[in-house]
Every structure is written in structure tokens, then in C-alpha cells.
N, C-alpha and C. Protein backbone atom coordinates (compact mmCIF):
# COMPACT_ATOMS: atom_id res chain seq x y z
N UNK A 1 7.56 251.65 161.27
CA UNK A 1 8.18 251.89 159.98
C UNK A 1 7.11 252.41 159.02
N UNK A 2 7.51 253.32 158.17
CA UNK A 2 6.60 253.93 157.20
C UNK A 2 6.98 253.44 155.80
N UNK A 3 6.33 252.39 155.34
CA UNK A 3 6.61 251.83 154.01
C UNK A 3 5.95 252.68 152.94
N UNK A 4 6.53 252.64 151.75
CA UNK A 4 5.91 253.30 150.61
C UNK A 4 5.62 252.22 149.57
N UNK A 5 4.44 252.28 148.99
CA UNK A 5 4.04 251.31 147.97
C UNK A 5 3.71 252.05 146.68
N UNK A 6 3.84 251.32 145.60
CA UNK A 6 3.48 251.78 144.27
C UNK A 6 4.46 252.85 143.77
N UNK A 7 3.97 253.80 143.01
CA UNK A 7 4.82 254.75 142.32
C UNK A 7 5.42 255.79 143.26
N UNK A 8 6.67 256.23 142.98
CA UNK A 8 7.23 257.35 143.75
C UNK A 8 6.51 258.65 143.37
N UNK A 9 6.67 259.70 144.16
CA UNK A 9 6.02 260.96 143.81
C UNK A 9 6.54 261.49 142.48
N UNK A 10 5.69 262.17 141.76
CA UNK A 10 6.07 262.79 140.48
C UNK A 10 6.82 264.08 140.80
N UNK A 11 8.00 264.22 140.23
CA UNK A 11 8.81 265.42 140.46
C UNK A 11 8.01 266.67 140.08
N UNK A 12 8.00 267.64 140.96
CA UNK A 12 7.31 268.91 140.69
C UNK A 12 5.82 268.90 141.03
N UNK A 13 5.23 267.74 141.25
CA UNK A 13 3.81 267.65 141.59
C UNK A 13 3.64 267.92 143.09
N UNK A 14 2.71 268.78 143.44
CA UNK A 14 2.42 269.04 144.85
C UNK A 14 1.37 268.05 145.33
N UNK A 15 1.62 267.47 146.47
CA UNK A 15 0.71 266.49 147.07
C UNK A 15 0.21 267.02 148.41
N UNK A 16 -1.06 266.80 148.67
CA UNK A 16 -1.61 267.18 149.96
C UNK A 16 -1.62 265.95 150.87
N UNK A 17 -1.08 266.07 152.08
CA UNK A 17 -1.14 264.93 153.00
C UNK A 17 -2.60 264.55 153.28
N UNK A 18 -2.89 263.27 153.23
CA UNK A 18 -4.25 262.78 153.43
C UNK A 18 -4.19 261.58 154.37
N UNK A 19 -4.28 261.81 155.70
CA UNK A 19 -4.27 260.68 156.62
C UNK A 19 -5.55 259.86 156.50
N UNK A 20 -5.39 258.56 156.63
CA UNK A 20 -6.54 257.68 156.56
C UNK A 20 -6.36 256.47 157.47
N UNK A 21 -7.45 255.84 157.83
CA UNK A 21 -7.45 254.64 158.67
C UNK A 21 -8.21 253.55 157.93
N UNK A 22 -7.61 252.36 157.88
CA UNK A 22 -8.17 251.23 157.13
C UNK A 22 -8.02 249.98 157.99
N UNK A 23 -8.82 248.96 157.70
CA UNK A 23 -8.77 247.76 158.55
C UNK A 23 -8.84 246.48 157.75
N UNK A 24 -8.03 245.52 158.20
CA UNK A 24 -8.16 244.13 157.79
C UNK A 24 -9.18 243.54 158.76
N UNK A 25 -10.31 243.11 158.23
CA UNK A 25 -11.41 242.61 159.05
C UNK A 25 -11.65 241.14 158.72
N UNK A 26 -11.50 240.28 159.73
CA UNK A 26 -11.67 238.85 159.51
C UNK A 26 -12.65 238.26 160.52
N UNK A 27 -13.43 237.32 160.00
CA UNK A 27 -14.40 236.61 160.85
C UNK A 27 -14.70 235.27 160.19
N UNK A 28 -14.61 234.20 160.97
CA UNK A 28 -14.95 232.87 160.45
C UNK A 28 -14.13 232.47 159.24
N UNK A 29 -12.87 232.86 159.18
CA UNK A 29 -12.01 232.49 158.06
C UNK A 29 -12.23 233.30 156.80
N UNK A 30 -13.03 234.35 156.87
CA UNK A 30 -13.33 235.21 155.72
C UNK A 30 -12.84 236.63 156.00
N UNK A 31 -12.60 237.36 154.91
CA UNK A 31 -12.15 238.75 154.97
C UNK A 31 -13.30 239.63 154.48
N UNK A 32 -13.59 240.70 155.24
CA UNK A 32 -14.61 241.66 154.83
C UNK A 32 -13.93 242.81 154.09
N UNK A 33 -14.26 242.95 152.81
CA UNK A 33 -13.74 244.03 151.98
C UNK A 33 -14.89 244.94 151.58
N UNK A 34 -14.55 246.10 151.06
CA UNK A 34 -15.54 246.95 150.44
C UNK A 34 -15.24 247.00 148.95
N UNK A 35 -16.29 246.98 148.14
CA UNK A 35 -16.12 247.15 146.70
C UNK A 35 -16.62 248.54 146.36
N UNK A 36 -15.71 249.34 145.82
CA UNK A 36 -16.05 250.70 145.40
C UNK A 36 -16.27 250.66 143.89
N UNK A 37 -17.45 251.05 143.45
CA UNK A 37 -17.77 250.94 142.02
C UNK A 37 -17.29 252.14 141.21
N UNK A 38 -17.17 253.31 141.83
CA UNK A 38 -16.73 254.50 141.10
C UNK A 38 -15.68 255.25 141.92
N UNK A 39 -14.77 255.98 141.35
CA UNK A 39 -14.62 256.26 139.93
C UNK A 39 -14.03 255.09 139.15
N UNK A 40 -13.26 254.23 139.82
CA UNK A 40 -12.76 253.01 139.19
C UNK A 40 -13.15 251.84 140.08
N UNK A 41 -13.75 250.80 139.51
CA UNK A 41 -14.15 249.66 140.34
C UNK A 41 -12.93 248.99 140.97
N UNK A 42 -12.98 248.79 142.29
CA UNK A 42 -11.91 248.06 142.96
C UNK A 42 -12.34 247.60 144.34
N UNK A 43 -11.70 246.52 144.79
CA UNK A 43 -11.88 246.02 146.14
C UNK A 43 -10.84 246.70 147.02
N UNK A 44 -11.25 247.06 148.24
CA UNK A 44 -10.37 247.77 149.15
C UNK A 44 -10.57 247.27 150.57
N UNK A 45 -9.57 247.54 151.41
CA UNK A 45 -9.78 247.39 152.83
C UNK A 45 -10.76 248.49 153.24
N UNK A 46 -11.75 248.19 154.07
CA UNK A 46 -12.66 249.24 154.51
C UNK A 46 -11.92 250.33 155.29
N UNK A 47 -12.31 251.55 155.07
CA UNK A 47 -11.71 252.68 155.77
C UNK A 47 -11.66 253.88 154.85
N UNK A 48 -11.01 254.93 155.33
CA UNK A 48 -10.92 256.12 154.51
C UNK A 48 -10.29 257.27 155.26
N UNK A 49 -10.49 258.45 154.72
CA UNK A 49 -9.85 259.64 155.22
C UNK A 49 -10.32 260.07 156.60
N UNK A 50 -9.36 260.61 157.35
CA UNK A 50 -9.65 261.17 158.67
C UNK A 50 -9.94 262.66 158.47
N UNK A 51 -11.13 263.07 158.87
CA UNK A 51 -11.54 264.46 158.69
C UNK A 51 -10.84 265.35 159.72
N UNK A 52 -10.73 266.63 159.40
CA UNK A 52 -10.11 267.60 160.30
C UNK A 52 -10.80 267.56 161.67
N UNK A 53 -10.01 267.41 162.73
CA UNK A 53 -10.54 267.37 164.08
C UNK A 53 -11.02 266.00 164.54
N UNK A 54 -11.03 265.03 163.64
CA UNK A 54 -11.52 263.69 163.97
C UNK A 54 -10.36 262.81 164.47
N UNK A 55 -10.64 261.96 165.43
CA UNK A 55 -9.64 261.02 165.92
C UNK A 55 -9.56 259.81 164.98
N UNK A 56 -8.37 259.22 164.89
CA UNK A 56 -8.10 258.11 163.96
C UNK A 56 -9.08 256.95 164.15
N UNK A 57 -9.25 256.46 165.37
CA UNK A 57 -10.11 255.30 165.61
C UNK A 57 -11.58 255.64 165.36
N UNK A 58 -12.00 256.84 165.73
CA UNK A 58 -13.38 257.26 165.45
C UNK A 58 -13.62 257.30 163.95
N UNK A 59 -12.65 257.81 163.20
CA UNK A 59 -12.77 257.86 161.74
C UNK A 59 -12.86 256.45 161.16
N UNK A 60 -12.07 255.53 161.70
CA UNK A 60 -12.08 254.15 161.20
C UNK A 60 -13.45 253.51 161.45
N UNK A 61 -13.99 253.66 162.65
CA UNK A 61 -15.33 253.11 162.92
C UNK A 61 -16.37 253.72 161.99
N UNK A 62 -16.31 255.03 161.78
CA UNK A 62 -17.27 255.71 160.90
C UNK A 62 -17.16 255.18 159.47
N UNK A 63 -15.94 255.10 158.96
CA UNK A 63 -15.73 254.66 157.57
C UNK A 63 -16.16 253.21 157.36
N UNK A 64 -15.83 252.33 158.31
CA UNK A 64 -16.22 250.92 158.19
C UNK A 64 -17.74 250.80 158.16
N UNK A 65 -18.41 251.53 159.04
CA UNK A 65 -19.87 251.49 159.06
C UNK A 65 -20.46 252.02 157.75
N UNK A 66 -19.93 253.15 157.25
CA UNK A 66 -20.43 253.72 156.00
C UNK A 66 -20.21 252.80 154.81
N UNK A 67 -19.06 252.13 154.76
CA UNK A 67 -18.71 251.33 153.58
C UNK A 67 -19.19 249.89 153.64
N UNK A 68 -19.45 249.36 154.85
CA UNK A 68 -19.84 247.95 154.95
C UNK A 68 -21.15 247.72 155.71
N UNK A 69 -21.55 248.66 156.57
CA UNK A 69 -22.71 248.45 157.42
C UNK A 69 -22.40 247.67 158.69
N UNK A 70 -21.12 247.37 158.93
CA UNK A 70 -20.71 246.57 160.09
C UNK A 70 -20.09 247.43 161.18
N UNK A 71 -20.33 247.02 162.43
CA UNK A 71 -19.58 247.53 163.59
C UNK A 71 -18.45 246.54 163.84
N UNK A 72 -17.35 247.06 164.37
CA UNK A 72 -16.18 246.21 164.60
C UNK A 72 -15.64 246.39 166.01
N UNK A 73 -14.89 245.41 166.45
CA UNK A 73 -14.27 245.47 167.77
C UNK A 73 -12.85 244.94 167.72
N UNK A 74 -12.20 245.03 168.87
CA UNK A 74 -10.85 244.49 169.06
C UNK A 74 -9.86 245.01 168.02
N UNK A 75 -9.87 246.31 167.79
CA UNK A 75 -8.95 246.90 166.83
C UNK A 75 -7.55 246.99 167.42
N UNK A 76 -6.56 246.63 166.60
CA UNK A 76 -5.17 246.83 166.99
C UNK A 76 -4.38 247.25 165.74
N UNK A 77 -3.44 248.13 165.94
CA UNK A 77 -2.70 248.69 164.81
C UNK A 77 -1.67 247.69 164.29
N UNK A 78 -1.65 247.54 162.96
CA UNK A 78 -0.66 246.69 162.30
C UNK A 78 0.53 247.51 161.79
N UNK A 79 0.30 248.75 161.42
CA UNK A 79 1.36 249.59 160.88
C UNK A 79 0.79 250.65 159.98
N UNK A 80 1.66 251.21 159.15
CA UNK A 80 1.21 252.23 158.21
C UNK A 80 2.06 252.21 156.96
N UNK A 81 1.49 252.78 155.90
CA UNK A 81 2.24 252.96 154.66
C UNK A 81 1.78 254.24 154.01
N UNK A 82 2.53 254.66 153.02
CA UNK A 82 2.12 255.85 152.28
C UNK A 82 2.18 255.55 150.80
N UNK A 83 1.34 256.26 150.09
CA UNK A 83 1.33 256.15 148.63
C UNK A 83 0.98 257.51 148.05
N UNK A 84 1.58 257.80 146.92
CA UNK A 84 1.35 259.05 146.21
C UNK A 84 0.42 258.75 145.05
N UNK A 85 -0.74 259.41 145.03
CA UNK A 85 -1.73 259.05 144.04
C UNK A 85 -2.64 260.23 143.72
N UNK A 86 -3.28 260.12 142.59
CA UNK A 86 -4.32 261.08 142.22
C UNK A 86 -5.66 260.49 142.63
N UNK A 87 -6.48 261.29 143.32
CA UNK A 87 -7.80 260.85 143.77
C UNK A 87 -8.85 261.58 142.92
N UNK A 88 -9.32 260.94 141.84
CA UNK A 88 -10.23 261.64 140.93
C UNK A 88 -11.53 262.09 141.57
N UNK A 89 -12.02 261.35 142.57
CA UNK A 89 -13.28 261.73 143.20
C UNK A 89 -13.18 263.06 143.96
N UNK A 90 -11.94 263.47 144.28
CA UNK A 90 -11.71 264.74 144.97
C UNK A 90 -10.90 265.72 144.13
N UNK A 91 -10.52 265.31 142.92
CA UNK A 91 -9.63 266.10 142.07
C UNK A 91 -8.42 266.55 142.89
N UNK A 92 -7.73 265.56 143.48
CA UNK A 92 -6.68 265.83 144.45
C UNK A 92 -5.48 264.92 144.24
N UNK A 93 -4.30 265.53 144.20
CA UNK A 93 -3.05 264.77 144.27
C UNK A 93 -2.74 264.61 145.74
N UNK A 94 -2.67 263.37 146.23
CA UNK A 94 -2.55 263.13 147.66
C UNK A 94 -1.36 262.25 148.00
N UNK A 95 -0.75 262.58 149.12
CA UNK A 95 0.17 261.67 149.79
C UNK A 95 -0.67 260.99 150.85
N UNK A 96 -1.14 259.79 150.54
CA UNK A 96 -2.02 259.08 151.45
C UNK A 96 -1.17 258.42 152.55
N UNK A 97 -1.48 258.77 153.79
CA UNK A 97 -0.81 258.21 154.96
C UNK A 97 -1.78 257.20 155.56
N UNK A 98 -1.60 255.94 155.19
CA UNK A 98 -2.58 254.89 155.48
C UNK A 98 -2.21 254.14 156.76
N UNK A 99 -2.99 254.32 157.82
CA UNK A 99 -2.81 253.62 159.08
C UNK A 99 -3.68 252.37 159.02
N UNK A 100 -3.05 251.20 159.20
CA UNK A 100 -3.75 249.93 159.01
C UNK A 100 -3.95 249.24 160.36
N UNK A 101 -5.17 248.77 160.57
CA UNK A 101 -5.56 248.10 161.81
C UNK A 101 -6.09 246.71 161.48
N UNK A 102 -6.11 245.86 162.48
CA UNK A 102 -6.77 244.57 162.38
C UNK A 102 -7.96 244.61 163.33
N UNK A 103 -9.09 244.05 162.90
CA UNK A 103 -10.26 244.03 163.76
C UNK A 103 -11.18 242.87 163.43
N UNK A 104 -12.17 242.72 164.26
CA UNK A 104 -13.18 241.67 164.08
C UNK A 104 -14.55 242.30 163.87
N UNK A 105 -15.19 242.01 162.75
CA UNK A 105 -16.57 242.47 162.57
C UNK A 105 -17.45 241.83 163.65
N UNK A 106 -18.24 242.66 164.33
CA UNK A 106 -19.03 242.12 165.45
C UNK A 106 -20.53 242.12 165.19
N UNK A 107 -21.02 243.10 164.44
CA UNK A 107 -22.46 243.20 164.23
C UNK A 107 -22.77 243.97 162.96
N UNK A 108 -23.56 243.36 162.08
CA UNK A 108 -24.02 244.08 160.89
C UNK A 108 -25.28 244.83 161.28
N UNK A 109 -25.22 246.16 161.20
CA UNK A 109 -26.34 246.98 161.63
C UNK A 109 -27.12 247.60 160.48
N UNK A 110 -26.55 247.59 159.30
CA UNK A 110 -27.23 248.22 158.16
C UNK A 110 -26.51 247.84 156.87
N UNK A 111 -27.08 248.24 155.77
CA UNK A 111 -26.40 248.15 154.48
C UNK A 111 -25.41 249.30 154.39
N UNK A 112 -24.41 249.21 153.53
CA UNK A 112 -23.49 250.34 153.36
C UNK A 112 -24.25 251.60 152.98
N UNK A 113 -23.87 252.72 153.59
CA UNK A 113 -24.54 253.99 153.29
C UNK A 113 -23.74 254.87 152.34
N UNK A 114 -22.48 254.53 152.10
CA UNK A 114 -21.65 255.34 151.20
C UNK A 114 -21.94 254.94 149.76
N UNK A 115 -22.25 255.94 148.95
CA UNK A 115 -22.61 255.70 147.55
C UNK A 115 -21.52 254.89 146.85
N UNK A 116 -21.96 253.89 146.09
CA UNK A 116 -21.05 253.10 145.27
C UNK A 116 -20.25 252.06 146.01
N UNK A 117 -20.53 251.84 147.30
CA UNK A 117 -19.80 250.84 148.07
C UNK A 117 -20.71 249.67 148.42
N UNK A 118 -20.12 248.49 148.44
CA UNK A 118 -20.84 247.31 148.91
C UNK A 118 -19.89 246.45 149.72
N UNK A 119 -20.44 245.77 150.71
CA UNK A 119 -19.66 244.88 151.56
C UNK A 119 -19.54 243.52 150.87
N UNK A 120 -18.32 242.98 150.86
CA UNK A 120 -18.07 241.70 150.20
C UNK A 120 -17.21 240.83 151.11
N UNK A 121 -17.68 239.61 151.37
CA UNK A 121 -16.89 238.64 152.11
C UNK A 121 -16.14 237.76 151.14
N UNK A 122 -14.86 237.53 151.40
CA UNK A 122 -14.04 236.66 150.55
C UNK A 122 -13.14 235.78 151.40
N UNK A 123 -12.81 234.62 150.85
CA UNK A 123 -11.77 233.80 151.47
C UNK A 123 -10.45 234.58 151.36
N UNK A 124 -9.49 234.30 152.23
CA UNK A 124 -8.24 235.06 152.23
C UNK A 124 -7.50 235.10 150.89
N UNK A 125 -7.37 233.99 150.21
CA UNK A 125 -6.59 233.98 148.97
C UNK A 125 -7.21 234.84 147.87
N UNK A 126 -8.52 234.70 147.59
CA UNK A 126 -9.13 235.61 146.62
C UNK A 126 -9.07 237.08 147.06
N UNK A 127 -9.18 237.32 148.37
CA UNK A 127 -9.08 238.70 148.86
C UNK A 127 -7.71 239.27 148.51
N UNK A 128 -6.66 238.50 148.72
CA UNK A 128 -5.30 238.95 148.36
C UNK A 128 -5.18 239.25 146.87
N UNK A 129 -5.80 238.43 146.06
CA UNK A 129 -5.73 238.63 144.60
C UNK A 129 -6.53 239.85 144.15
N UNK A 130 -7.58 240.21 144.90
CA UNK A 130 -8.51 241.23 144.43
C UNK A 130 -8.32 242.63 145.00
N UNK A 131 -7.63 242.78 146.14
CA UNK A 131 -7.49 244.14 146.68
C UNK A 131 -6.73 245.00 145.68
N UNK A 132 -7.12 246.27 145.63
CA UNK A 132 -6.69 247.14 144.55
C UNK A 132 -5.35 247.83 144.67
N UNK A 133 -4.69 247.77 145.84
CA UNK A 133 -3.38 248.43 145.90
C UNK A 133 -2.39 247.57 146.67
N UNK A 134 -1.12 247.80 146.40
CA UNK A 134 -0.06 246.97 146.96
C UNK A 134 0.05 247.07 148.47
N UNK A 135 -0.21 248.26 149.03
CA UNK A 135 -0.14 248.42 150.48
C UNK A 135 -1.21 247.60 151.19
N UNK A 136 -2.46 247.68 150.70
CA UNK A 136 -3.53 246.85 151.26
C UNK A 136 -3.15 245.38 151.20
N UNK A 137 -2.62 244.96 150.05
CA UNK A 137 -2.25 243.56 149.83
C UNK A 137 -1.17 243.12 150.83
N UNK A 138 -0.16 243.97 151.04
CA UNK A 138 0.94 243.62 151.94
C UNK A 138 0.43 243.42 153.37
N UNK A 139 -0.39 244.37 153.86
CA UNK A 139 -0.91 244.26 155.22
C UNK A 139 -1.93 243.13 155.35
N UNK A 140 -2.72 242.90 154.35
CA UNK A 140 -3.67 241.78 154.36
C UNK A 140 -2.90 240.46 154.45
N UNK A 141 -1.85 240.31 153.67
CA UNK A 141 -1.02 239.11 153.70
C UNK A 141 -0.39 238.91 155.07
N UNK A 142 0.13 239.99 155.63
CA UNK A 142 0.75 239.93 156.96
C UNK A 142 -0.28 239.47 158.00
N UNK A 143 -1.49 240.01 157.94
CA UNK A 143 -2.53 239.64 158.90
C UNK A 143 -2.97 238.19 158.71
N UNK A 144 -3.17 237.78 157.48
CA UNK A 144 -3.61 236.40 157.21
C UNK A 144 -2.58 235.40 157.73
N UNK A 145 -1.31 235.71 157.53
CA UNK A 145 -0.25 234.80 157.94
C UNK A 145 0.03 234.80 159.44
N UNK A 146 -0.44 235.82 160.16
CA UNK A 146 -0.10 235.89 161.58
C UNK A 146 -1.29 235.70 162.51
N UNK A 147 -2.48 235.64 161.98
CA UNK A 147 -3.67 235.56 162.83
C UNK A 147 -4.36 234.22 162.60
N UNK A 148 -4.79 233.62 163.69
CA UNK A 148 -5.59 232.41 163.54
C UNK A 148 -6.92 232.77 162.92
N UNK A 149 -7.31 232.03 161.90
CA UNK A 149 -8.59 232.29 161.26
C UNK A 149 -9.59 231.45 161.94
């Protein structure tokens, strides 16, 4: 099922499809999030856009490593959602097609390399309160409620 979260598309506004892969990452009863400081500070599920020619899972591993410094394993797909939004960092109106996975952080190999991102561990309840969009929150809640911590 393809859920839509947040605002409907603006009539007359052209949106570019922007596929992305994101992950709910849990270890030891904690959730690994990324904090993006710019353009607007917010906590997010680690992940991001899939580049042209890139495979979804490869993009997810790359984005998680760039945003958190962690390698992950045991990825399984939870579902997907879409949202219509303006992305100021790209000056882009996007229809974000967000593919959400569940995984386990396995090894921290470095600090985050993506500018303005930091890795943050949170207990599940504060993570739910702090993630920046409704789609992330919905999938995070689904994962917390269905997975043994």
C-alpha cells in the first residue's frame, strides 16, 4: 500500500518524483536517528534519495553510513509512503516516494560524513515525539510495536 502523509499536492504545482530509502534502526532498545541541522533542524530516519542508476538497498546503505557513520544488517522492507514537499536544499518541489526498511545497526565505522548531520540514539518514545514528519513517525511506531526490543 502507498500511504500519503501530510499535505496534499498543491494544485498547479509540478512535482518531481524523488525515490528514497530510509530505515528504522534499533539496537539494545534504542532507535538510531539522524539530526539534520540545516536547512531546518529536525530528527529523521536515516536515509535519503536514490541516485540515478543506483539500487535501492545500495542507496540505503550509503545514506545510513553518510548520515550516521554506522553499517547495518538484516534489512527488511516495512512499506512505503509518499509526501509532497518543497526541498529547500535542492530548490525542488518533490513527490517523495519513501521506501521504509527495518534494520539493525551492526558496526560504527566513522563519524557522519554528510554535512550538518549527526547520529543520535533515543529511547523509542522520545524518538516518536521527535521525528520530523508524519510518515517517519507512523513507520517508527509500527516497528516499535511489532519488534522485540
